[in-house]
Amino acid sequence: MFVVIFRAKVRVLDEEYSKVANRMRELALSQFGCLEFHAVTEGRDEVALSYWPSEEAIKAWKSHPEHVLAQRIGRERWYESYSVQVAAVTREYRKAT
């Protein structure tokens, strides 16, 4: 399993951002094999964690035309700066519920 860590400094989040973010989450989860997706914005800092079964799924997601457009708009309008990290999950612990 892999995790994509997206961190950004927010410039502005408008109504279109919310619509696009919801659509991107929906696509990732329903069409690209994303296992989980969590995002938090606190002040001007945004962090999103998405979990994926493979690097191939991440690459397919990154190059999807709707996602490419969202990335461009993000760079131009919504984010002052951002970073993306991809990491392999090598160990996981859970408490059963």
N, C-alpha and C. Protein backbone atom coordinates (compact mmCIF):
# COMPACT_ATOMS: atom_id res chain seq x y z
N MET A 1 0.85 -1.17 0.00
CA MET A 1 0.00 0.00 0.00
C MET A 1 0.90 1.24 0.00
N PHE A 2 0.40 2.31 -0.63
CA PHE A 2 1.13 3.57 -0.72
C PHE A 2 0.25 4.69 -0.20
N VAL A 3 0.90 5.75 0.30
CA VAL A 3 0.18 6.93 0.74
C VAL A 3 0.74 8.13 -0.03
N VAL A 4 -0.17 8.98 -0.50
CA VAL A 4 0.21 10.24 -1.12
C VAL A 4 -0.10 11.33 -0.10
N ILE A 5 0.92 12.11 0.23
CA ILE A 5 0.78 13.19 1.21
C ILE A 5 0.87 14.50 0.44
N PHE A 6 -0.24 15.21 0.41
CA PHE A 6 -0.31 16.50 -0.28
C PHE A 6 -0.40 17.59 0.79
N ARG A 7 0.56 18.51 0.77
CA ARG A 7 0.55 19.63 1.71
C ARG A 7 0.57 20.92 0.91
N ALA A 8 -0.27 21.86 1.30
CA ALA A 8 -0.35 23.11 0.55
C ALA A 8 -0.53 24.31 1.47
N LYS A 9 -0.07 25.44 0.98
CA LYS A 9 -0.34 26.73 1.59
C LYS A 9 -1.46 27.34 0.73
N VAL A 10 -2.61 27.54 1.35
CA VAL A 10 -3.81 28.00 0.63
C VAL A 10 -3.71 29.48 0.32
N ARG A 11 -4.02 29.83 -0.91
CA ARG A 11 -4.14 31.22 -1.32
C ARG A 11 -5.59 31.65 -1.13
N VAL A 12 -6.50 30.89 -1.75
CA VAL A 12 -7.93 31.17 -1.63
C VAL A 12 -8.70 29.89 -1.94
N LEU A 13 -9.75 29.63 -1.18
CA LEU A 13 -10.64 28.50 -1.47
C LEU A 13 -12.02 29.07 -1.73
N ASP A 14 -12.46 28.94 -2.98
CA ASP A 14 -13.76 29.48 -3.36
C ASP A 14 -14.76 28.35 -3.57
N GLU A 15 -15.96 28.71 -4.02
CA GLU A 15 -17.01 27.71 -4.22
C GLU A 15 -16.61 26.66 -5.25
N GLU A 16 -15.93 27.08 -6.30
CA GLU A 16 -15.49 26.13 -7.32
C GLU A 16 -14.51 25.11 -6.73
N TYR A 17 -13.66 25.55 -5.81
CA TYR A 17 -12.71 24.64 -5.18
C TYR A 17 -13.45 23.48 -4.52
N SER A 18 -14.50 23.81 -3.76
CA SER A 18 -15.26 22.76 -3.06
C SER A 18 -15.85 21.75 -4.04
N LYS A 19 -16.40 22.24 -5.14
CA LYS A 19 -16.98 21.35 -6.15
C LYS A 19 -15.91 20.46 -6.78
N VAL A 20 -14.79 21.07 -7.16
CA VAL A 20 -13.71 20.32 -7.79
C VAL A 20 -13.12 19.30 -6.81
N ALA A 21 -12.90 19.71 -5.57
CA ALA A 21 -12.34 18.80 -4.57
C ALA A 21 -13.25 17.59 -4.36
N ASN A 22 -14.54 17.82 -4.28
CA ASN A 22 -15.48 16.70 -4.11
C ASN A 22 -15.46 15.78 -5.32
N ARG A 23 -15.38 16.34 -6.51
CA ARG A 23 -15.34 15.53 -7.74
C ARG A 23 -14.04 14.71 -7.79
N MET A 24 -12.92 15.32 -7.41
CA MET A 24 -11.64 14.62 -7.45
C MET A 24 -11.64 13.46 -6.45
N ARG A 25 -12.18 13.70 -5.27
CA ARG A 25 -12.27 12.63 -4.27
C ARG A 25 -13.14 11.49 -4.80
N GLU A 26 -14.29 11.83 -5.37
CA GLU A 26 -15.20 10.83 -5.93
C GLU A 26 -14.51 10.00 -7.01
N LEU A 27 -13.81 10.66 -7.93
CA LEU A 27 -13.11 9.94 -9.00
C LEU A 27 -12.02 9.03 -8.44
N ALA A 28 -11.23 9.56 -7.53
CA ALA A 28 -10.13 8.77 -6.96
C ALA A 28 -10.65 7.50 -6.32
N LEU A 29 -11.71 7.64 -5.53
CA LEU A 29 -12.25 6.49 -4.80
C LEU A 29 -13.01 5.52 -5.70
N SER A 30 -13.74 6.03 -6.68
CA SER A 30 -14.60 5.16 -7.47
C SER A 30 -13.95 4.59 -8.73
N GLN A 31 -12.97 5.30 -9.31
CA GLN A 31 -12.42 4.85 -10.59
C GLN A 31 -10.94 4.52 -10.59
N PHE A 32 -10.22 4.92 -9.57
CA PHE A 32 -8.77 4.73 -9.61
C PHE A 32 -8.22 3.88 -8.48
N GLY A 33 -9.09 3.29 -7.68
CA GLY A 33 -8.65 2.36 -6.66
C GLY A 33 -8.17 2.98 -5.36
N CYS A 34 -8.39 4.27 -5.19
CA CYS A 34 -8.02 4.91 -3.93
C CYS A 34 -8.76 4.21 -2.80
N LEU A 35 -8.04 3.85 -1.76
CA LEU A 35 -8.61 3.08 -0.65
C LEU A 35 -9.24 3.97 0.42
N GLU A 36 -8.60 5.11 0.68
CA GLU A 36 -9.08 6.08 1.67
C GLU A 36 -8.58 7.46 1.26
N PHE A 37 -9.35 8.48 1.64
CA PHE A 37 -8.95 9.85 1.33
C PHE A 37 -9.38 10.75 2.48
N HIS A 38 -8.43 11.46 3.07
CA HIS A 38 -8.71 12.35 4.19
C HIS A 38 -8.04 13.69 3.92
N ALA A 39 -8.76 14.79 4.16
CA ALA A 39 -8.19 16.12 3.97
C ALA A 39 -8.60 17.02 5.13
N VAL A 40 -7.67 17.88 5.55
CA VAL A 40 -7.91 18.82 6.63
C VAL A 40 -7.31 20.16 6.22
N THR A 41 -8.07 21.23 6.45
CA THR A 41 -7.56 22.57 6.25
C THR A 41 -7.64 23.29 7.58
N GLU A 42 -6.52 23.86 8.00
CA GLU A 42 -6.45 24.59 9.25
C GLU A 42 -5.76 25.92 8.95
N GLY A 43 -6.53 26.99 9.02
CA GLY A 43 -5.98 28.28 8.63
C GLY A 43 -5.64 28.24 7.15
N ARG A 44 -4.38 28.50 6.83
CA ARG A 44 -3.93 28.48 5.44
C ARG A 44 -3.24 27.17 5.07
N ASP A 45 -3.17 26.24 6.00
CA ASP A 45 -2.48 24.98 5.75
C ASP A 45 -3.47 23.87 5.43
N GLU A 46 -3.22 23.18 4.33
CA GLU A 46 -4.06 22.04 3.95
C GLU A 46 -3.18 20.80 3.87
N VAL A 47 -3.70 19.69 4.38
CA VAL A 47 -3.03 18.40 4.29
C VAL A 47 -4.06 17.38 3.82
N ALA A 48 -3.68 16.61 2.81
CA ALA A 48 -4.55 15.53 2.32
C ALA A 48 -3.73 14.25 2.27
N LEU A 49 -4.32 13.18 2.77
CA LEU A 49 -3.70 11.86 2.74
C LEU A 49 -4.60 10.95 1.92
N SER A 50 -4.03 10.33 0.92
CA SER A 50 -4.80 9.34 0.16
C SER A 50 -3.98 8.05 0.10
N TYR A 51 -4.67 6.94 0.26
CA TYR A 51 -4.05 5.63 0.33
C TYR A 51 -4.39 4.84 -0.93
N TRP A 52 -3.37 4.19 -1.50
CA TRP A 52 -3.50 3.54 -2.80
C TRP A 52 -2.91 2.14 -2.77
N PRO A 53 -3.44 1.24 -3.61
CA PRO A 53 -2.93 -0.13 -3.64
C PRO A 53 -1.60 -0.26 -4.38
N SER A 54 -1.30 0.69 -5.29
CA SER A 54 -0.08 0.55 -6.11
C SER A 54 0.37 1.91 -6.64
N GLU A 55 1.62 1.96 -7.04
CA GLU A 55 2.13 3.18 -7.68
C GLU A 55 1.49 3.39 -9.05
N GLU A 56 1.14 2.30 -9.72
CA GLU A 56 0.49 2.41 -11.02
C GLU A 56 -0.85 3.14 -10.89
N ALA A 57 -1.61 2.83 -9.84
CA ALA A 57 -2.89 3.50 -9.61
C ALA A 57 -2.67 4.99 -9.36
N ILE A 58 -1.63 5.34 -8.62
CA ILE A 58 -1.31 6.74 -8.35
C ILE A 58 -0.96 7.46 -9.65
N LYS A 59 -0.14 6.84 -10.48
CA LYS A 59 0.27 7.44 -11.75
C LYS A 59 -0.93 7.63 -12.68
N ALA A 60 -1.82 6.65 -12.72
CA ALA A 60 -3.03 6.77 -13.55
C ALA A 60 -3.88 7.94 -13.07
N TRP A 61 -4.03 8.06 -11.76
CA TRP A 61 -4.80 9.15 -11.17
C TRP A 61 -4.17 10.50 -11.49
N LYS A 62 -2.86 10.58 -11.35
CA LYS A 62 -2.14 11.84 -11.57
C LYS A 62 -2.33 12.33 -13.00
N SER A 63 -2.42 11.41 -13.96
CA SER A 63 -2.49 11.80 -15.36
C SER A 63 -3.91 11.86 -15.93
N HIS A 64 -4.93 11.59 -15.13
CA HIS A 64 -6.31 11.67 -15.62
C HIS A 64 -6.63 13.11 -16.02
N PRO A 65 -7.26 13.33 -17.18
CA PRO A 65 -7.49 14.69 -17.69
C PRO A 65 -8.20 15.64 -16.71
N GLU A 66 -9.21 15.16 -16.00
CA GLU A 66 -9.90 16.04 -15.03
C GLU A 66 -8.98 16.42 -13.89
N HIS A 67 -8.14 15.48 -13.46
CA HIS A 67 -7.21 15.75 -12.37
C HIS A 67 -6.10 16.70 -12.84
N VAL A 68 -5.64 16.53 -14.07
CA VAL A 68 -4.63 17.43 -14.63
C VAL A 68 -5.17 18.87 -14.66
N LEU A 69 -6.41 19.03 -15.07
CA LEU A 69 -7.03 20.36 -15.08
C LEU A 69 -7.14 20.92 -13.67
N ALA A 70 -7.57 20.10 -12.72
CA ALA A 70 -7.68 20.55 -11.32
C ALA A 70 -6.31 20.96 -10.77
N GLN A 71 -5.27 20.21 -11.14
CA GLN A 71 -3.93 20.56 -10.69
C GLN A 71 -3.52 21.94 -11.24
N ARG A 72 -3.81 22.18 -12.50
CA ARG A 72 -3.46 23.47 -13.12
C ARG A 72 -4.17 24.62 -12.43
N ILE A 73 -5.47 24.46 -12.20
CA ILE A 73 -6.24 25.52 -11.52
C ILE A 73 -5.72 25.71 -10.10
N GLY A 74 -5.37 24.62 -9.44
CA GLY A 74 -4.81 24.70 -8.09
C GLY A 74 -3.54 25.54 -8.07
N ARG A 75 -2.65 25.29 -9.02
CA ARG A 75 -1.40 26.06 -9.08
C ARG A 75 -1.68 27.53 -9.38
N GLU A 76 -2.62 27.79 -10.26
CA GLU A 76 -2.90 29.16 -10.69
C GLU A 76 -3.73 29.96 -9.69
N ARG A 77 -4.68 29.30 -9.02
CA ARG A 77 -5.64 30.04 -8.22
C ARG A 77 -5.66 29.70 -6.74
N TRP A 78 -5.74 28.42 -6.39
CA TRP A 78 -6.05 28.04 -5.02
C TRP A 78 -4.84 27.93 -4.09
N TYR A 79 -3.69 27.54 -4.62
CA TYR A 79 -2.55 27.28 -3.76
C TYR A 79 -1.39 28.23 -4.02
N GLU A 80 -0.87 28.75 -2.94
CA GLU A 80 0.34 29.58 -3.00
C GLU A 80 1.56 28.69 -3.23
N SER A 81 1.59 27.56 -2.54
CA SER A 81 2.66 26.57 -2.71
C SER A 81 2.11 25.21 -2.29
N TYR A 82 2.81 24.16 -2.71
CA TYR A 82 2.37 22.81 -2.33
C TYR A 82 3.54 21.84 -2.46
N SER A 83 3.40 20.70 -1.83
CA SER A 83 4.35 19.60 -2.00
C SER A 83 3.57 18.30 -2.03
N VAL A 84 4.12 17.32 -2.72
CA VAL A 84 3.52 16.00 -2.80
C VAL A 84 4.60 14.98 -2.47
N GLN A 85 4.27 14.07 -1.57
CA GLN A 85 5.17 12.98 -1.23
C GLN A 85 4.42 11.67 -1.44
N VAL A 86 5.12 10.68 -1.97
CA VAL A 86 4.56 9.34 -2.13
C VAL A 86 5.43 8.41 -1.30
N ALA A 87 4.80 7.65 -0.41
CA ALA A 87 5.54 6.77 0.48
C ALA A 87 4.90 5.39 0.51
N ALA A 88 5.73 4.38 0.67
CA ALA A 88 5.24 3.02 0.83
C ALA A 88 4.93 2.80 2.31
N VAL A 89 3.78 2.19 2.57
CA VAL A 89 3.42 1.82 3.93
C VAL A 89 4.03 0.45 4.17
N THR A 90 4.99 0.39 5.07
CA THR A 90 5.70 -0.88 5.30
C THR A 90 5.18 -1.63 6.52
N ARG A 91 4.43 -0.96 7.35
CA ARG A 91 3.88 -1.60 8.54
C ARG A 91 2.62 -0.86 8.95
N GLU A 92 1.67 -1.60 9.48
CA GLU A 92 0.41 -1.00 9.94
C GLU A 92 -0.04 -1.71 11.19
N TYR A 93 -0.51 -0.94 12.15
CA TYR A 93 -1.06 -1.49 13.40
C TYR A 93 -2.47 -0.98 13.55
N ARG A 94 -3.35 -1.79 14.07
CA ARG A 94 -4.73 -1.38 14.30
C ARG A 94 -5.24 -1.99 15.60
N LYS A 95 -6.17 -1.29 16.19
CA LYS A 95 -6.91 -1.83 17.30
C LYS A 95 -8.27 -2.24 16.76
N ALA A 96 -8.66 -3.44 16.95
CA ALA A 96 -9.94 -3.93 16.46
C ALA A 96 -11.07 -3.28 17.22
N THR A 97 -12.16 -2.99 16.51
CA THR A 97 -13.34 -2.40 17.16
C THR A 97 -14.43 -3.40 17.33
